[in-house]
């Protein structure tokens, strides 16, 4: 017996609508798309979400997506992750919006900062969903970003826990030839001492001579007065032995720095500090 949970749809957007349903005791989610050509792309995106167990394209009176939550997530929690992912997906074009091949790391300055801005916007959307991010540790935050990063270019792939140099970096974006274009680490905020360790970890373990554009993403889950934390993180970056210059802020929680490559001090590395308040 199939029954529909009668409730106001959790979200009505210009591009999609979600709806919670129930079969016997099992809840699932229906996703309706305005653009009927995007079902395959959206199925791929949603299949990679950590709250999702399986996604089917369903042919009824109209085509839709049927999404089954994973065992440790409720349908309501799955809807939250689905919505924030689809809001980000439809807010920008998923057809190679940025990544221009230029420079040693195969990515232009414009491309790098557009990726940074997309990460910032996606993370700020996550800040609205406390029930969702309360479940996340560093690995959970990383896994939350990966499907979205994979959706912003058809010629590039984002992977997690990927070997580079002598360690596994949290997020690695590579082009179709397997060349690195972007590296990022996801860290829970535990004080400015941890900021220094995060920089050391990236520069000494994961960054090769050819890697020029990287980011460190901090998630605050315990400390109030978020503005003070941002100031402390910026100060910690400036005190690092490889710091060269502070470029400026892209927004209040995204700040750009130039560091020296520890293996070749004459070679610069762009490091973006991106912070999210998940408390």
Protein backbone atom coordinates (compact mmCIF):
# COMPACT_ATOMS: atom_id res chain seq x y z
CA UNK A 1 0.00 0.00 0.00
CA UNK A 2 1.40 3.38 -1.00
CA UNK A 3 0.51 6.47 0.97
CA UNK A 4 1.53 10.05 0.55
CA UNK A 5 2.54 12.13 3.53
CA UNK A 6 0.21 15.10 3.33
CA UNK A 7 2.29 18.14 4.05
CA UNK A 8 3.28 21.33 2.38
CA UNK A 9 6.18 20.54 -0.01
CA UNK A 10 9.42 21.24 1.81
CA UNK A 11 10.65 23.45 -1.00
CA UNK A 12 9.23 24.96 -4.17
CA UNK A 13 11.94 26.43 -6.35
CA UNK A 14 11.87 27.70 -9.91
CA UNK A 15 13.91 24.66 -10.96
CA UNK A 16 12.79 21.83 -8.67
CA UNK A 17 10.36 20.66 -6.02
CA UNK A 18 10.82 18.06 -3.29
CA UNK A 19 8.12 16.03 -1.60
CA UNK A 20 8.29 13.45 1.19
CA UNK A 21 6.31 10.26 0.72
CA UNK A 22 5.79 6.99 2.55
CA UNK A 23 5.26 3.36 1.57
CA UNK A 24 4.17 1.29 4.55
CA UNK A 25 6.79 2.37 7.15
CA UNK A 26 9.45 3.45 4.67
CA UNK A 27 9.82 7.13 3.83
CA UNK A 28 11.34 8.37 0.60
CA UNK A 29 11.61 11.60 -1.37
CA UNK A 30 10.21 12.63 -4.73
CA UNK A 31 12.13 15.24 -6.74
CA UNK A 32 10.44 17.04 -9.63
CA UNK A 33 12.48 19.04 -12.16
CA UNK A 34 11.36 21.92 -14.33
CA UNK A 35 14.06 21.18 -16.90
CA UNK A 36 13.30 17.66 -18.14
CA UNK A 37 16.72 17.32 -19.78
CA UNK A 38 18.54 17.37 -16.42
CA UNK A 39 17.28 14.10 -14.92
CA UNK A 40 20.45 12.12 -15.66
CA UNK A 41 22.75 14.86 -14.32
CA UNK A 42 20.68 15.35 -11.17
CA UNK A 43 20.45 11.60 -10.59
CA UNK A 44 24.26 11.41 -10.68
CA UNK A 45 24.57 14.36 -8.29
CA UNK A 46 22.04 13.04 -5.77
CA UNK A 47 23.41 9.48 -5.90
CA UNK A 48 26.68 10.78 -4.43
CA UNK A 49 25.08 12.50 -1.42
CA UNK A 50 25.87 10.86 1.88
CA UNK A 51 22.22 10.97 3.01
CA UNK A 52 21.08 9.08 -0.10
CA UNK A 53 21.08 5.29 -0.57
CA UNK A 54 19.60 5.06 -4.06
CA UNK A 55 18.05 7.26 -6.77
CA UNK A 56 15.72 6.07 -9.52
CA UNK A 57 14.34 7.95 -12.51
CA UNK A 58 10.64 7.11 -12.35
CA UNK A 59 8.26 7.18 -15.31
CA UNK A 60 4.71 7.81 -14.13
CA UNK A 61 2.26 10.36 -15.51
CA UNK A 62 5.36 12.55 -15.59
CA UNK A 63 9.04 11.78 -15.12
CA UNK A 64 10.46 12.38 -11.65
CA UNK A 65 13.20 11.12 -9.34
CA UNK A 66 12.59 8.74 -6.44
CA UNK A 67 15.23 9.12 -3.73
CA UNK A 68 15.70 6.61 -0.91
CA UNK A 69 17.55 7.86 2.22
CA UNK A 70 20.49 5.94 3.64
CA UNK A 71 19.91 4.07 6.88
CA UNK A 72 21.30 6.68 9.27
CA UNK A 73 19.40 9.60 7.70
CA UNK A 74 15.69 10.37 7.85
CA UNK A 75 13.76 11.51 4.79
CA UNK A 76 13.63 15.03 6.25
CA UNK A 77 17.42 15.10 6.60
CA UNK A 78 17.82 13.77 3.07
CA UNK A 79 15.53 16.53 1.80
CA UNK A 80 17.77 19.12 3.45
CA UNK A 81 20.88 17.82 1.70
CA UNK A 82 19.02 17.38 -1.59
CA UNK A 83 17.72 20.94 -1.48
CA UNK A 84 21.00 22.65 -0.66
CA UNK A 85 22.73 20.61 -3.38
CA UNK A 86 20.10 21.38 -6.01
CA UNK A 87 19.95 25.06 -5.08
CA UNK A 88 23.69 25.25 -5.73
CA UNK A 89 23.46 23.10 -8.87
CA UNK A 90 20.79 25.24 -10.48
CA UNK A 91 22.21 28.58 -9.33
CA UNK A 92 25.08 28.25 -11.80
CA UNK A 93 25.66 26.48 -15.06
CA UNK A 94 27.09 22.96 -14.57
CA UNK A 95 28.60 23.03 -18.06
CA UNK A 96 32.26 23.88 -17.54
CA UNK A 97 31.53 27.33 -16.08
CA UNK A 98 35.08 28.17 -15.16
CA UNK A 99 37.96 25.88 -15.57
CA UNK A 100 40.20 27.43 -18.19
CA UNK A 101 43.45 25.61 -18.90
CA UNK A 102 46.25 28.02 -18.16
CA UNK A 103 49.44 27.91 -16.12
CA UNK A 104 51.35 25.08 -14.51
CA UNK A 105 48.39 23.92 -12.46
CA UNK A 106 46.11 23.98 -15.53
CA UNK A 107 43.71 26.48 -14.00
CA UNK A 108 43.42 30.23 -14.43
CA UNK A 109 43.14 32.80 -11.66
CA UNK A 110 39.55 33.43 -12.75
CA UNK A 111 38.76 29.72 -12.55
CA UNK A 112 40.41 29.33 -9.14
CA UNK A 113 38.48 32.18 -7.56
CA UNK A 114 35.22 31.10 -9.16
CA UNK A 115 35.67 27.68 -7.57
CA UNK A 116 36.41 29.42 -4.26
CA UNK A 117 33.24 31.51 -4.58
CA UNK A 118 31.15 28.43 -5.39
CA UNK A 119 32.53 26.63 -2.33
CA UNK A 120 31.75 29.68 -0.18
CA UNK A 121 28.20 29.95 -1.46
CA UNK A 122 27.55 26.23 -1.10
CA UNK A 123 28.91 26.19 2.45
CA UNK A 124 26.85 29.23 3.42
CA UNK A 125 23.75 27.37 2.25
CA UNK A 126 24.75 24.46 4.49
CA UNK A 127 24.87 26.80 7.52
CA UNK A 128 21.04 27.00 7.34
CA UNK A 129 20.61 23.27 7.97
CA UNK A 130 21.67 22.54 11.54
CA UNK A 131 20.04 19.09 11.66
CA UNK A 132 22.19 18.12 8.68
CA UNK A 133 25.60 19.52 9.62
CA UNK A 134 25.32 18.41 13.26
CA UNK A 135 26.03 14.89 11.97
CA UNK A 136 29.20 15.94 10.13
CA UNK A 137 32.78 15.46 11.22
CA UNK A 138 35.68 16.48 8.94
CA UNK A 139 35.00 13.52 6.67
CA UNK A 140 31.28 14.33 6.58
CA UNK A 141 31.92 17.93 5.55
CA UNK A 142 34.29 16.77 2.83
CA UNK A 143 31.78 14.27 1.49
CA UNK A 144 29.08 16.95 1.48
CA UNK A 145 31.11 19.16 -0.90
CA UNK A 146 32.38 16.47 -3.29
CA UNK A 147 29.18 15.83 -5.31
CA UNK A 148 28.70 19.54 -5.89
CA UNK A 149 32.33 20.08 -6.92
CA UNK A 150 31.94 17.22 -9.37
CA UNK A 151 28.91 18.93 -10.91
CA UNK A 152 30.58 22.22 -11.86
CA UNK A 153 32.62 20.89 -14.77
CA UNK A 154 32.23 18.06 -17.26
CA UNK A 155 35.99 17.93 -17.90
CA UNK A 156 37.21 17.76 -14.30
CA UNK A 157 36.81 15.30 -11.44
CA UNK A 158 36.75 15.96 -7.71
CA UNK A 159 37.79 13.11 -5.42
CA UNK A 160 38.24 12.70 -1.68
CA UNK A 161 41.02 11.10 0.33
CA UNK A 162 43.24 11.00 -2.74
CA UNK A 163 46.98 10.36 -2.67
CA UNK A 164 49.11 13.31 -3.73
CA UNK A 165 52.79 13.60 -2.93
CA UNK A 166 53.12 11.72 0.41
CA UNK A 167 49.59 11.81 1.82
CA UNK A 168 45.86 11.76 1.17
CA UNK A 169 44.36 15.18 0.60
CA UNK A 170 40.69 15.77 1.45
CA UNK A 171 39.64 17.25 -1.89
CA UNK A 172 41.55 17.00 -5.16
CA UNK A 173 40.24 18.32 -8.48
CA UNK A 174 42.01 16.98 -11.57
CA UNK A 175 41.56 17.65 -15.26
CA UNK A 176 40.81 15.02 -17.91
CA UNK A 177 44.55 14.29 -18.21
CA UNK A 178 44.89 13.56 -14.49
CA UNK A 179 46.70 16.83 -13.71
CA UNK A 180 45.94 18.61 -10.45
CA UNK A 181 44.09 21.91 -10.66
CA UNK A 182 42.90 22.42 -7.06
CA UNK A 183 43.59 21.00 -3.59
CA UNK A 184 41.60 21.62 -0.41
CA UNK A 185 41.60 20.45 3.19
CA UNK A 186 38.55 20.35 5.47
CA UNK A 187 39.20 21.00 9.17
CA UNK A 188 37.12 21.49 12.30
CA UNK A 189 38.14 24.71 14.04
CA UNK A 190 40.15 23.91 17.17
CA UNK A 191 42.13 27.12 17.59
CA UNK A 192 44.80 29.07 15.77
CA UNK A 193 47.40 26.41 16.56
CA UNK A 194 45.42 24.00 14.40
CA UNK A 195 45.43 26.56 11.58
CA UNK A 196 49.24 26.49 11.54
CA UNK A 197 49.20 22.67 11.54
CA UNK A 198 46.72 22.63 8.64
CA UNK A 199 48.97 24.87 6.55
CA UNK A 200 52.02 22.74 7.38
CA UNK A 201 50.10 19.58 6.46
CA UNK A 202 49.10 20.95 3.06
CA UNK A 203 52.47 22.45 2.16
CA UNK A 204 54.69 19.62 3.38
CA UNK A 205 52.58 16.55 2.57
CA UNK A 206 50.22 17.28 -0.32
CA UNK A 207 51.52 20.19 -2.41
CA UNK A 208 54.01 19.42 -5.16
CA UNK A 209 56.11 21.96 -7.02
CA UNK A 210 53.42 22.24 -9.71
CA UNK A 211 50.49 22.80 -7.33
CA UNK A 212 49.72 26.51 -7.12
CA UNK A 213 46.09 26.90 -6.02
CA UNK A 214 44.80 25.42 -2.79
CA UNK A 215 42.34 26.12 0.03
CA UNK A 216 41.80 25.34 3.69
CA UNK A 217 38.18 25.11 4.82
CA UNK A 218 37.45 25.49 8.53
CA UNK A 219 34.12 24.53 10.10
CA UNK A 220 33.32 25.99 13.52
CA UNK A 221 31.07 23.71 15.56
CA UNK A 222 31.89 24.71 19.13
CA UNK A 223 32.94 28.36 19.57
CA UNK A 224 30.69 31.41 19.69
CA UNK A 225 31.78 34.87 18.50
CA UNK A 226 32.54 33.67 14.99
CA UNK A 227 34.01 37.05 14.02
CA UNK A 228 36.77 36.60 16.61
CA UNK A 229 37.59 33.18 15.17
CA UNK A 230 37.96 34.63 11.68
CA UNK A 231 40.37 37.28 13.00
CA UNK A 232 42.41 34.62 14.82
CA UNK A 233 42.61 32.44 11.71
CA UNK A 234 43.79 35.36 9.54
CA UNK A 235 46.41 36.25 12.15
CA UNK A 236 47.62 32.64 12.29
CA UNK A 237 48.02 32.56 8.51
CA UNK A 238 50.06 35.78 8.58
CA UNK A 239 52.37 34.39 11.26
CA UNK A 240 53.21 31.22 9.35
CA UNK A 241 56.83 30.93 8.26
CA UNK A 242 55.88 30.55 4.58
CA UNK A 243 53.49 33.52 4.50
CA UNK A 244 54.35 36.13 1.87
CA UNK A 245 51.36 38.45 1.54
CA UNK A 246 47.69 38.93 2.36
CA UNK A 247 45.78 39.58 -0.87
CA UNK A 248 42.44 40.51 0.71
CA UNK A 249 38.94 39.21 1.34
CA UNK A 250 36.50 37.87 -1.23
CA UNK A 251 33.79 38.10 1.41
CA UNK A 252 33.71 38.21 5.21
CA UNK A 253 34.59 34.51 5.54
CA UNK A 254 36.87 33.96 2.52
CA UNK A 255 40.38 35.41 2.58
CA UNK A 256 43.21 35.16 0.03
CA UNK A 257 46.91 34.70 0.78
CA UNK A 258 50.17 34.14 -1.06
CA UNK A 259 52.58 31.63 0.45
CA UNK A 260 56.02 30.44 -0.61
CA UNK A 261 56.42 26.85 -1.71
CA UNK A 262 58.60 25.31 1.05
CA UNK A 263 60.65 23.39 -1.54
CA UNK A 264 61.19 26.48 -3.72
CA UNK A 265 60.71 29.80 -1.87
CA UNK A 266 60.69 31.72 -5.15
CA UNK A 267 57.53 29.92 -6.26
CA UNK A 268 54.20 31.26 -5.03
CA UNK A 269 51.17 29.30 -3.86
CA UNK A 270 47.66 30.77 -3.60
CA UNK A 271 45.96 29.68 -0.37
CA UNK A 272 42.34 30.57 0.33
CA UNK A 273 41.09 30.52 3.92
CA UNK A 274 37.36 29.71 3.86
CA UNK A 275 35.38 29.54 7.09
CA UNK A 276 31.89 28.34 7.94
CA UNK A 277 29.93 28.76 11.15
CA UNK A 278 28.13 25.49 11.94
CA UNK A 279 27.11 26.00 15.56
